[in-house]
Amino acid sequence: MPDSRDAQLQEVIILTRAVENVFRKLIRFLVGRISLVKLQEMINYIYVQEAECRLNNEFLGKNIPLTKLALLTGLDTRAITSIREKIETSEGKFQQLLLKELTPESAIVEAWSAKVKKSLKKDNNKAATLTFGAENKDFEKLVRSTISTRGVTTQSLIQTLLATNSISIDRRRKTLTLLVDHYSPYLSNDKPNMVNAAFSAVSNLISTIEHNVDASVPNRLLQRQVWTFRLPPKKLIAFRAAMRGFLLNVEKEAKDKVEVWEAENYSEELLSAGIGFYYFEDMA
């Protein structure tokens, strides 16, 4: 029977290597985009918040002792007090960087595309073009029925959809026409938008892993990757093209499978759920 200390050591080694691998690739991307000082500040802020969330279940509304937070975070109590003061006064200063939610643009295009499909079944394509510019216009109605509009303006949505070539606009007639059947920030040269999409995908994957760590086998969410260690470099370009074509076909099928489960209109009780797929190479 293996020694429990050996098992614990093995777990620590695996976790350390996994965290280093993820952080190294993340930091490689962040170098030159965010300073180390700001990254450290953000990590401290979020780590203390998450530690408090975990301890809230233990103390059930009571004040959480600083010593407990110090034990869980490895920070001294003075540092924790300073971070807590910032959390209380900042009103979620780093919340915009926690990219877990689906983009509102994606939700709008998905709902719009579904309406277009329904109109095509009735031998017309009226839903592809919507009026806009006032509360009672088609686009504004679509937005209100699809997403929570707190902090989101229809003008900002239109600008983003135009930048990603998702729609065209006729300013004289005040109409918008849908050009795609799904939203993709990669259709734009807007780097922040592409980064947002990429980190959303990373966030979703981590949420799946977090769920699976504590879930029983029957309740674990499906999490798979398929890859090869034996790809000849001269075949890389052809391999990329073949995998892209395959994933585009899978994407179309997946959209059809997801769509049948959707509610007609947006409401606060609805959840976000779905599947993700991507191509990767590891040359590091």
C-alpha atoms as a PDB file:
ATOM      1  CA  MET A   1       0.000   0.000   0.000  1.00  0.00           C
ATOM      2  CA  PRO A   2       1.537   3.372  -0.993  1.00  0.00           C
ATOM      3  CA  ASP A   3       2.577   5.743   1.808  1.00  0.00           C
ATOM      4  CA  SER A   4       0.077   8.611   2.176  1.00  0.00           C
ATOM      5  CA  ARG A   5       2.983  11.059   2.403  1.00  0.00           C
ATOM      6  CA  ASP A   6       4.263   9.857  -0.972  1.00  0.00           C
ATOM      7  CA  ALA A   7       0.798  10.302  -2.450  1.00  0.00           C
ATOM      8  CA  GLN A   8       0.571  13.836  -1.057  1.00  0.00           C
ATOM      9  CA  LEU A   9       4.027  14.681  -2.405  1.00  0.00           C
ATOM     10  CA  GLN A  10       3.069  13.356  -5.828  1.00  0.00           C
ATOM     11  CA  GLU A  11      -0.097  15.478  -5.788  1.00  0.00           C
ATOM     12  CA  VAL A  12       1.928  18.591  -4.892  1.00  0.00           C
ATOM     13  CA  ILE A  13       4.405  17.904  -7.714  1.00  0.00           C
ATOM     14  CA  ILE A  14       1.615  17.442 -10.281  1.00  0.00           C
ATOM     15  CA  LEU A  15      -0.221  20.575  -9.113  1.00  0.00           C
ATOM     16  CA  THR A  16       2.976  22.655  -9.126  1.00  0.00           C
ATOM     17  CA  ARG A  17       3.880  21.595 -12.655  1.00  0.00           C
ATOM     18  CA  ALA A  18       0.340  22.183 -13.918  1.00  0.00           C
ATOM     19  CA  VAL A  19       0.111  25.655 -12.365  1.00  0.00           C
ATOM     20  CA  GLU A  20       3.552  26.604 -13.678  1.00  0.00           C
ATOM     21  CA  ASN A  21       2.607  25.457 -17.185  1.00  0.00           C
ATOM     22  CA  VAL A  22      -0.598  27.529 -17.197  1.00  0.00           C
ATOM     23  CA  PHE A  23       0.995  30.595 -15.577  1.00  0.00           C
ATOM     24  CA  ARG A  24       4.050  30.512 -17.842  1.00  0.00           C
ATOM     25  CA  LYS A  25       1.910  30.642 -20.992  1.00  0.00           C
ATOM     26  CA  LEU A  26      -0.393  33.251 -19.482  1.00  0.00           C
ATOM     27  CA  ILE A  27       2.523  35.445 -18.351  1.00  0.00           C
ATOM     28  CA  ARG A  28       4.258  35.010 -21.724  1.00  0.00           C
ATOM     29  CA  PHE A  29       1.153  36.567 -23.262  1.00  0.00           C
ATOM     30  CA  LEU A  30       0.841  39.297 -20.597  1.00  0.00           C
ATOM     31  CA  VAL A  31       4.461  40.532 -20.739  1.00  0.00           C
ATOM     32  CA  GLY A  32       4.332  44.014 -22.244  1.00  0.00           C
ATOM     33  CA  ARG A  33       0.538  44.202 -21.843  1.00  0.00           C
ATOM     34  CA  ILE A  34       0.230  44.471 -18.063  1.00  0.00           C
ATOM     35  CA  SER A  35       2.908  45.282 -15.506  1.00  0.00           C
ATOM     36  CA  LEU A  36       4.081  42.718 -12.940  1.00  0.00           C
ATOM     37  CA  VAL A  37       3.147  45.167 -10.165  1.00  0.00           C
ATOM     38  CA  LYS A  38      -0.439  45.455 -11.442  1.00  0.00           C
ATOM     39  CA  LEU A  39      -0.696  41.673 -11.945  1.00  0.00           C
ATOM     40  CA  GLN A  40       0.485  41.027  -8.382  1.00  0.00           C
ATOM     41  CA  GLU A  41      -1.983  43.592  -7.053  1.00  0.00           C
ATOM     42  CA  MET A  42      -4.809  41.950  -8.977  1.00  0.00           C
ATOM     43  CA  ILE A  43      -3.887  38.438  -7.793  1.00  0.00           C
ATOM     44  CA  ASN A  44      -3.740  39.578  -4.144  1.00  0.00           C
ATOM     45  CA  TYR A  45      -7.127  41.283  -4.484  1.00  0.00           C
ATOM     46  CA  ILE A  46      -8.840  38.296  -6.116  1.00  0.00           C
ATOM     47  CA  TYR A  47      -7.134  35.685  -3.898  1.00  0.00           C
ATOM     48  CA  VAL A  48      -8.348  37.363  -0.703  1.00  0.00           C
ATOM     49  CA  GLN A  49     -11.868  37.713  -2.149  1.00  0.00           C
ATOM     50  CA  GLU A  50     -12.001  34.029  -3.077  1.00  0.00           C
ATOM     51  CA  ALA A  51     -10.569  32.988   0.302  1.00  0.00           C
ATOM     52  CA  GLU A  52     -13.305  34.979   2.041  1.00  0.00           C
ATOM     53  CA  CYS A  53     -15.949  33.326  -0.149  1.00  0.00           C
ATOM     54  CA  ARG A  54     -14.666  29.893   0.885  1.00  0.00           C
ATOM     55  CA  LEU A  55     -14.621  30.809   4.586  1.00  0.00           C
ATOM     56  CA  ASN A  56     -18.098  32.352   4.432  1.00  0.00           C
ATOM     57  CA  ASN A  57     -19.563  28.847   4.295  1.00  0.00           C
ATOM     58  CA  GLU A  58     -17.716  27.944   7.477  1.00  0.00           C
ATOM     59  CA  PHE A  59     -18.626  31.060   9.464  1.00  0.00           C
ATOM     60  CA  LEU A  60     -22.148  31.609   8.024  1.00  0.00           C
ATOM     61  CA  GLY A  61     -22.443  35.391   8.173  1.00  0.00           C
ATOM     62  CA  LYS A  62     -20.076  35.926  11.111  1.00  0.00           C
ATOM     63  CA  ASN A  63     -16.929  37.997  10.836  1.00  0.00           C
ATOM     64  CA  ILE A  64     -14.099  35.960   9.391  1.00  0.00           C
ATOM     65  CA  PRO A  65     -10.992  36.101  11.642  1.00  0.00           C
ATOM     66  CA  LEU A  66      -7.939  37.641   9.984  1.00  0.00           C
ATOM     67  CA  THR A  67      -5.877  34.735  11.271  1.00  0.00           C
ATOM     68  CA  LYS A  68      -7.998  32.318   9.209  1.00  0.00           C
ATOM     69  CA  LEU A  69      -7.479  34.405   6.083  1.00  0.00           C
ATOM     70  CA  ALA A  70      -3.765  34.643   6.818  1.00  0.00           C
ATOM     71  CA  LEU A  71      -3.554  30.862   7.094  1.00  0.00           C
ATOM     72  CA  LEU A  72      -5.438  30.338   3.837  1.00  0.00           C
ATOM     73  CA  THR A  73      -3.616  33.010   1.799  1.00  0.00           C
ATOM     74  CA  GLY A  74      -0.132  33.026   3.281  1.00  0.00           C
ATOM     75  CA  LEU A  75      -0.322  36.819   3.708  1.00  0.00           C
ATOM     76  CA  ASP A  76       0.233  38.577   7.020  1.00  0.00           C
ATOM     77  CA  THR A  77      -2.757  40.200   8.696  1.00  0.00           C
ATOM     78  CA  ARG A  78      -1.620  43.770   7.925  1.00  0.00           C
ATOM     79  CA  ALA A  79      -1.515  43.025   4.198  1.00  0.00           C
ATOM     80  CA  ILE A  80      -4.952  41.365   4.371  1.00  0.00           C
ATOM     81  CA  THR A  81      -6.420  44.380   6.210  1.00  0.00           C
ATOM     82  CA  SER A  82      -5.069  46.707   3.507  1.00  0.00           C
ATOM     83  CA  ILE A  83      -6.461  44.536   0.699  1.00  0.00           C
ATOM     84  CA  ARG A  84      -9.854  44.234   2.407  1.00  0.00           C
ATOM     85  CA  GLU A  85     -10.077  48.038   2.690  1.00  0.00           C
ATOM     86  CA  LYS A  86      -9.417  48.330  -1.048  1.00  0.00           C
ATOM     87  CA  ILE A  87     -12.057  45.681  -1.781  1.00  0.00           C
ATOM     88  CA  GLU A  88     -14.650  47.542   0.293  1.00  0.00           C
ATOM     89  CA  THR A  89     -13.971  50.896  -1.381  1.00  0.00           C
ATOM     90  CA  SER A  90     -13.229  49.857  -4.968  1.00  0.00           C
ATOM     91  CA  GLU A  91     -16.659  48.404  -5.848  1.00  0.00           C
ATOM     92  CA  GLY A  92     -15.194  45.538  -7.841  1.00  0.00           C
ATOM     93  CA  LYS A  93     -12.204  47.333  -9.365  1.00  0.00           C
ATOM     94  CA  PHE A  94     -11.001  44.247 -11.179  1.00  0.00           C
ATOM     95  CA  GLN A  95     -14.416  42.817 -12.006  1.00  0.00           C
ATOM     96  CA  GLN A  96     -14.088  43.795 -15.674  1.00  0.00           C
ATOM     97  CA  LEU A  97     -11.122  41.450 -15.998  1.00  0.00           C
ATOM     98  CA  LEU A  98     -13.000  38.371 -14.775  1.00  0.00           C
ATOM     99  CA  LEU A  99     -14.183  37.212 -18.187  1.00  0.00           C
ATOM    100  CA  LYS A 100     -16.576  34.450 -17.277  1.00  0.00           C
ATOM    101  CA  GLU A 101     -19.806  35.768 -18.830  1.00  0.00           C
ATOM    102  CA  LEU A 102     -20.711  35.399 -22.482  1.00  0.00           C
ATOM    103  CA  THR A 103     -20.458  38.627 -24.445  1.00  0.00           C
ATOM    104  CA  PRO A 104     -23.760  40.436 -25.029  1.00  0.00           C
ATOM    105  CA  GLU A 105     -22.866  40.696 -28.732  1.00  0.00           C
ATOM    106  CA  SER A 106     -22.796  36.920 -28.981  1.00  0.00           C
ATOM    107  CA  ALA A 107     -26.206  36.598 -27.322  1.00  0.00           C
ATOM    108  CA  ILE A 108     -27.706  39.226 -29.649  1.00  0.00           C
ATOM    109  CA  VAL A 109     -26.407  37.551 -32.813  1.00  0.00           C
ATOM    110  CA  GLU A 110     -27.549  34.111 -31.641  1.00  0.00           C
ATOM    111  CA  ALA A 111     -31.086  35.376 -30.950  1.00  0.00           C
ATOM    112  CA  TRP A 112     -31.191  37.354 -34.202  1.00  0.00           C
ATOM    113  CA  SER A 113     -29.917  34.384 -36.214  1.00  0.00           C
ATOM    114  CA  ALA A 114     -32.608  32.159 -34.684  1.00  0.00           C
ATOM    115  CA  LYS A 115     -35.292  34.622 -35.815  1.00  0.00           C
ATOM    116  CA  VAL A 116     -33.807  34.649 -39.316  1.00  0.00           C
ATOM    117  CA  LYS A 117     -33.936  30.850 -39.476  1.00  0.00           C
ATOM    118  CA  LYS A 118     -37.598  30.872 -38.438  1.00  0.00           C
ATOM    119  CA  SER A 119     -38.465  33.469 -41.090  1.00  0.00           C
ATOM    120  CA  LEU A 120     -36.657  31.469 -43.784  1.00  0.00           C
ATOM    121  CA  LYS A 121     -38.853  28.486 -42.960  1.00  0.00           C
ATOM    122  CA  LYS A 122     -41.809  30.743 -43.758  1.00  0.00           C
ATOM    123  CA  ASP A 123     -40.245  31.669 -47.128  1.00  0.00           C
ATOM    124  CA  ASN A 124     -39.333  35.225 -46.206  1.00  0.00           C
ATOM    125  CA  ASN A 125     -36.184  36.902 -44.940  1.00  0.00           C
ATOM    126  CA  LYS A 126     -37.627  39.902 -43.152  1.00  0.00           C
ATOM    127  CA  ALA A 127     -35.914  39.092 -39.856  1.00  0.00           C
ATOM    128  CA  ALA A 128     -32.432  39.590 -41.340  1.00  0.00           C
ATOM    129  CA  THR A 129     -33.010  43.382 -41.491  1.00  0.00           C
ATOM    130  CA  LEU A 130     -34.168  45.274 -38.406  1.00  0.00           C
ATOM    131  CA  THR A 131     -35.035  48.914 -37.816  1.00  0.00           C
ATOM    132  CA  PHE A 132     -33.152  50.761 -35.073  1.00  0.00           C
ATOM    133  CA  GLY A 133     -32.838  54.139 -33.402  1.00  0.00           C
ATOM    134  CA  ALA A 134     -35.730  54.263 -30.910  1.00  0.00           C
ATOM    135  CA  GLU A 135     -37.181  52.247 -28.037  1.00  0.00           C
ATOM    136  CA  ASN A 136     -39.985  50.831 -30.203  1.00  0.00           C
ATOM    137  CA  LYS A 137     -37.713  49.744 -33.094  1.00  0.00           C
ATOM    138  CA  ASP A 138     -36.943  46.109 -33.915  1.00  0.00           C
ATOM    139  CA  PHE A 139     -33.301  46.038 -32.845  1.00  0.00           C
ATOM    140  CA  GLU A 140     -33.972  47.690 -29.488  1.00  0.00           C
ATOM    141  CA  LYS A 141     -36.790  45.192 -28.846  1.00  0.00           C
ATOM    142  CA  LEU A 142     -34.461  42.302 -29.711  1.00  0.00           C
ATOM    143  CA  VAL A 143     -31.820  43.596 -27.298  1.00  0.00           C
ATOM    144  CA  ARG A 144     -34.306  43.981 -24.423  1.00  0.00           C
ATOM    145  CA  SER A 145     -35.707  40.475 -24.948  1.00  0.00           C
ATOM    146  CA  THR A 146     -32.255  38.857 -25.168  1.00  0.00           C
ATOM    147  CA  ILE A 147     -29.922  40.373 -22.563  1.00  0.00           C
ATOM    148  CA  SER A 148     -29.903  42.413 -19.405  1.00  0.00           C
ATOM    149  CA  THR A 149     -29.317  45.967 -20.620  1.00  0.00           C
ATOM    150  CA  ARG A 150     -27.754  47.265 -17.419  1.00  0.00           C
ATOM    151  CA  GLY A 151     -24.521  48.994 -18.421  1.00  0.00           C
ATOM    152  CA  VAL A 152     -25.034  48.116 -22.107  1.00  0.00           C
ATOM    153  CA  THR A 153     -26.237  50.571 -24.743  1.00  0.00           C
ATOM    154  CA  THR A 154     -27.651  49.651 -28.131  1.00  0.00           C
ATOM    155  CA  GLN A 155     -25.209  52.103 -29.726  1.00  0.00           C
ATOM    156  CA  SER A 156     -22.205  50.299 -28.226  1.00  0.00           C
ATOM    157  CA  LEU A 157     -23.609  46.959 -29.399  1.00  0.00           C
ATOM    158  CA  ILE A 158     -24.081  48.303 -32.929  1.00  0.00           C
ATOM    159  CA  GLN A 159     -20.527  49.668 -33.013  1.00  0.00           C
ATOM    160  CA  THR A 160     -19.055  46.323 -31.949  1.00  0.00           C
ATOM    161  CA  LEU A 161     -21.184  44.336 -34.383  1.00  0.00           C
ATOM    162  CA  LEU A 162     -20.124  46.659 -37.196  1.00  0.00           C
ATOM    163  CA  ALA A 163     -16.440  46.383 -36.207  1.00  0.00           C
ATOM    164  CA  THR A 164     -16.635  42.585 -36.365  1.00  0.00           C
ATOM    165  CA  ASN A 165     -18.424  42.610 -39.732  1.00  0.00           C
ATOM    166  CA  SER A 166     -21.417  40.924 -38.108  1.00  0.00           C
ATOM    167  CA  ILE A 167     -23.904  43.456 -39.473  1.00  0.00           C
ATOM    168  CA  SER A 168     -24.239  46.170 -42.116  1.00  0.00           C
ATOM    169  CA  ILE A 169     -25.974  49.491 -41.565  1.00  0.00           C
ATOM    170  CA  ASP A 170     -28.163  51.709 -43.696  1.00  0.00           C
ATOM    171  CA  ARG A 171     -28.088  55.046 -41.875  1.00  0.00           C
ATOM    172  CA  ARG A 172     -30.564  56.712 -44.237  1.00  0.00           C
ATOM    173  CA  ARG A 173     -33.229  54.053 -43.734  1.00  0.00           C
ATOM    174  CA  LYS A 174     -32.149  53.410 -40.115  1.00  0.00           C
ATOM    175  CA  THR A 175     -31.845  49.647 -40.616  1.00  0.00           C
ATOM    176  CA  LEU A 176     -29.348  46.947 -39.630  1.00  0.00           C
ATOM    177  CA  THR A 177     -28.821  43.737 -41.586  1.00  0.00           C
ATOM    178  CA  LEU A 178     -27.353  40.567 -40.082  1.00  0.00           C
ATOM    179  CA  LEU A 179     -24.419  39.184 -42.125  1.00  0.00           C
ATOM    180  CA  VAL A 180     -23.407  36.144 -40.038  1.00  0.00           C
ATOM    181  CA  ASP A 181     -25.093  33.250 -38.249  1.00  0.00           C
ATOM    182  CA  HIS A 182     -22.912  33.541 -35.142  1.00  0.00           C
ATOM    183  CA  TYR A 183     -20.804  36.211 -33.476  1.00  0.00           C
ATOM    184  CA  SER A 184     -17.027  35.981 -33.650  1.00  0.00           C
ATOM    185  CA  PRO A 185     -14.642  38.697 -32.388  1.00  0.00           C
ATOM    186  CA  TYR A 186     -11.975  37.111 -34.594  1.00  0.00           C
ATOM    187  CA  LEU A 187     -13.671  38.680 -37.639  1.00  0.00           C
ATOM    188  CA  SER A 188     -12.327  42.000 -36.380  1.00  0.00           C
ATOM    189  CA  ASN A 189      -8.827  43.421 -35.978  1.00  0.00           C
ATOM    190  CA  ASP A 190      -9.886  44.574 -32.520  1.00  0.00           C
ATOM    191  CA  LYS A 191      -7.235  42.952 -30.308  1.00  0.00           C
ATOM    192  CA  PRO A 192      -8.977  43.634 -26.964  1.00  0.00           C
ATOM    193  CA  ASN A 193     -12.089  41.900 -28.312  1.00  0.00           C
ATOM    194  CA  MET A 194     -10.072  38.852 -29.379  1.00  0.00           C
ATOM    195  CA  VAL A 195      -8.335  38.735 -25.998  1.00  0.00           C
ATOM    196  CA  ASN A 196     -11.743  38.906 -24.287  1.00  0.00           C
ATOM    197  CA  ALA A 197     -12.956  35.904 -26.285  1.00  0.00           C
ATOM    198  CA  ALA A 198      -9.786  33.931 -25.591  1.00  0.00           C
ATOM    199  CA  PHE A 199      -9.902  34.511 -21.845  1.00  0.00           C
ATOM    200  CA  SER A 200     -13.602  33.703 -21.766  1.00  0.00           C
ATOM    201  CA  ALA A 201     -12.735  30.290 -23.228  1.00  0.00           C
ATOM    202  CA  VAL A 202      -9.962  29.794 -20.639  1.00  0.00           C
ATOM    203  CA  SER A 203     -12.344  30.825 -17.852  1.00  0.00           C
ATOM    204  CA  ASN A 204     -14.989  28.366 -19.031  1.00  0.00           C
ATOM    205  CA  LEU A 205     -12.482  25.505 -19.119  1.00  0.00           C
ATOM    206  CA  ILE A 206     -11.274  26.285 -15.597  1.00  0.00           C
ATOM    207  CA  SER A 207     -14.902  26.335 -14.379  1.00  0.00           C
ATOM    208  CA  THR A 208     -15.358  22.836 -15.803  1.00  0.00           C
ATOM    209  CA  ILE A 209     -12.178  21.610 -14.092  1.00  0.00           C
ATOM    210  CA  GLU A 210     -13.227  23.231 -10.799  1.00  0.00           C
ATOM    211  CA  HIS A 211     -16.575  21.421 -10.964  1.00  0.00           C
ATOM    212  CA  ASN A 212     -15.013  18.071 -11.858  1.00  0.00           C
ATOM    213  CA  VAL A 213     -12.478  18.095  -9.009  1.00  0.00           C
ATOM    214  CA  ASP A 214     -15.230  17.837  -6.381  1.00  0.00           C
ATOM    215  CA  ALA A 215     -17.962  16.086  -8.395  1.00  0.00           C
ATOM    216  CA  SER A 216     -18.701  12.378  -8.229  1.00  0.00           C
ATOM    217  CA  VAL A 217     -17.930  10.413 -11.403  1.00  0.00           C
ATOM    218  CA  PRO A 218     -21.537  10.342 -12.754  1.00  0.00           C
ATOM    219  CA  ASN A 219     -21.860  14.124 -12.261  1.00  0.00           C
ATOM    220  CA  ARG A 220     -18.591  15.207 -13.869  1.00  0.00           C
ATOM    221  CA  LEU A 221     -18.816  17.464 -16.914  1.00  0.00           C
ATOM    222  CA  LEU A 222     -17.307  16.128 -20.126  1.00  0.00           C
ATOM    223  CA  GLN A 223     -13.745  17.360 -20.566  1.00  0.00           C
ATOM    224  CA  ARG A 224     -11.615  15.932 -23.371  1.00  0.00           C
ATOM    225  CA  GLN A 225      -8.694  16.736 -25.658  1.00  0.00           C
ATOM    226  CA  VAL A 226      -7.462  14.720 -28.614  1.00  0.00           C
ATOM    227  CA  TRP A 227      -3.926  15.252 -29.881  1.00  0.00           C
ATOM    228  CA  THR A 228      -0.860  13.603 -31.361  1.00  0.00           C
ATOM    229  CA  PHE A 229       2.816  13.682 -30.385  1.00  0.00           C
ATOM    230  CA  ARG A 230       3.901  12.444 -33.802  1.00  0.00           C
ATOM    231  CA  LEU A 231       3.065  15.204 -36.276  1.00  0.00           C
ATOM    232  CA  PRO A 232       5.795  15.759 -38.907  1.00  0.00           C
ATOM    233  CA  PRO A 233       6.554  19.518 -39.264  1.00  0.00           C
ATOM    234  CA  LYS A 234       6.140  19.374 -43.047  1.00  0.00           C
ATOM    235  CA  LYS A 235       2.511  18.301 -42.568  1.00  0.00           C
ATOM    236  CA  LEU A 236       1.613  21.081 -40.098  1.00  0.00           C
ATOM    237  CA  ILE A 237      -0.087  23.461 -42.562  1.00  0.00           C
ATOM    238  CA  ALA A 238      -2.220  20.696 -44.076  1.00  0.00           C
ATOM    239  CA  PHE A 239      -3.059  19.409 -40.594  1.00  0.00           C
ATOM    240  CA  ARG A 240      -4.220  22.877 -39.487  1.00  0.00           C
ATOM    241  CA  ALA A 241      -6.462  23.180 -42.526  1.00  0.00           C
ATOM    242  CA  ALA A 242      -7.970  19.730 -42.004  1.00  0.00           C
ATOM    243  CA  MET A 243      -8.674  20.378 -38.303  1.00  0.00           C
ATOM    244  CA  ARG A 244     -10.178  23.808 -39.075  1.00  0.00           C
ATOM    245  CA  GLY A 245     -12.570  22.295 -41.593  1.00  0.00           C
ATOM    246  CA  PHE A 246     -13.540  19.570 -39.144  1.00  0.00           C
ATOM    247  CA  LEU A 247     -14.189  22.059 -36.306  1.00  0.00           C
ATOM    248  CA  LEU A 248     -16.272  24.334 -38.537  1.00  0.00           C
ATOM    249  CA  ASN A 249     -18.528  21.370 -39.333  1.00  0.00           C
ATOM    250  CA  VAL A 250     -18.741  20.432 -35.659  1.00  0.00           C
ATOM    251  CA  GLU A 251     -19.549  24.052 -34.761  1.00  0.00           C
ATOM    252  CA  LYS A 252     -22.542  24.098 -37.116  1.00  0.00           C
ATOM    253  CA  GLU A 253     -23.877  20.835 -35.683  1.00  0.00           C
ATOM    254  CA  ALA A 254     -23.285  22.039 -32.112  1.00  0.00           C
ATOM    255  CA  LYS A 255     -25.245  25.253 -32.706  1.00  0.00           C
ATOM    256  CA  ASP A 256     -28.227  23.236 -33.915  1.00  0.00           C
ATOM    257  CA  LYS A 257     -28.025  20.928 -30.880  1.00  0.00           C
ATOM    258  CA  VAL A 258     -27.841  23.833 -28.395  1.00  0.00           C
ATOM    259  CA  GLU A 259     -30.559  25.903 -30.028  1.00  0.00           C
ATOM    260  CA  VAL A 260     -33.381  23.437 -29.323  1.00  0.00           C
ATOM    261  CA  TRP A 261     -32.822  23.880 -25.560  1.00  0.00           C
ATOM    262  CA  GLU A 262     -33.030  27.687 -25.507  1.00  0.00           C
ATOM    263  CA  ALA A 263     -35.810  29.766 -23.958  1.00  0.00           C
ATOM    264  CA  GLU A 264     -37.553  32.226 -26.265  1.00  0.00           C
ATOM    265  CA  ASN A 265     -36.727  35.379 -24.264  1.00  0.00           C
ATOM    266  CA  TYR A 266     -34.099  36.563 -21.790  1.00  0.00           C
ATOM    267  CA  SER A 267     -34.785  36.491 -18.047  1.00  0.00           C
ATOM    268  CA  GLU A 268     -32.632  36.835 -14.913  1.00  0.00           C
ATOM    269  CA  GLU A 269     -33.148  33.156 -13.973  1.00  0.00           C
ATOM    270  CA  LEU A 270     -31.601  31.776 -17.173  1.00  0.00           C
ATOM    271  CA  LEU A 271     -28.161  30.153 -17.111  1.00  0.00           C
ATOM    272  CA  SER A 272     -25.219  30.126 -19.502  1.00  0.00           C
ATOM    273  CA  ALA A 273     -24.124  26.658 -20.606  1.00  0.00           C
ATOM    274  CA  GLY A 274     -22.544  25.163 -23.678  1.00  0.00           C
ATOM    275  CA  ILE A 275     -19.565  23.413 -25.217  1.00  0.00           C
ATOM    276  CA  GLY A 276     -16.278  24.726 -26.529  1.00  0.00           C
ATOM    277  CA  PHE A 277     -13.720  23.557 -29.049  1.00  0.00           C
ATOM    278  CA  TYR A 278     -10.428  24.935 -30.284  1.00  0.00           C
ATOM    279  CA  TYR A 279      -7.289  23.954 -32.120  1.00  0.00           C
ATOM    280  CA  PHE A 280      -3.938  24.046 -30.304  1.00  0.00           C
ATOM    281  CA  GLU A 281      -0.247  23.464 -30.857  1.00  0.00           C
ATOM    282  CA  ASP A 282       2.405  23.122 -28.161  1.00  0.00           C
ATOM    283  CA  MET A 283       5.917  23.860 -29.359  1.00  0.00           C
ATOM    284  CA  ALA A 284       7.254  25.183 -26.050  1.00  0.00           C
END
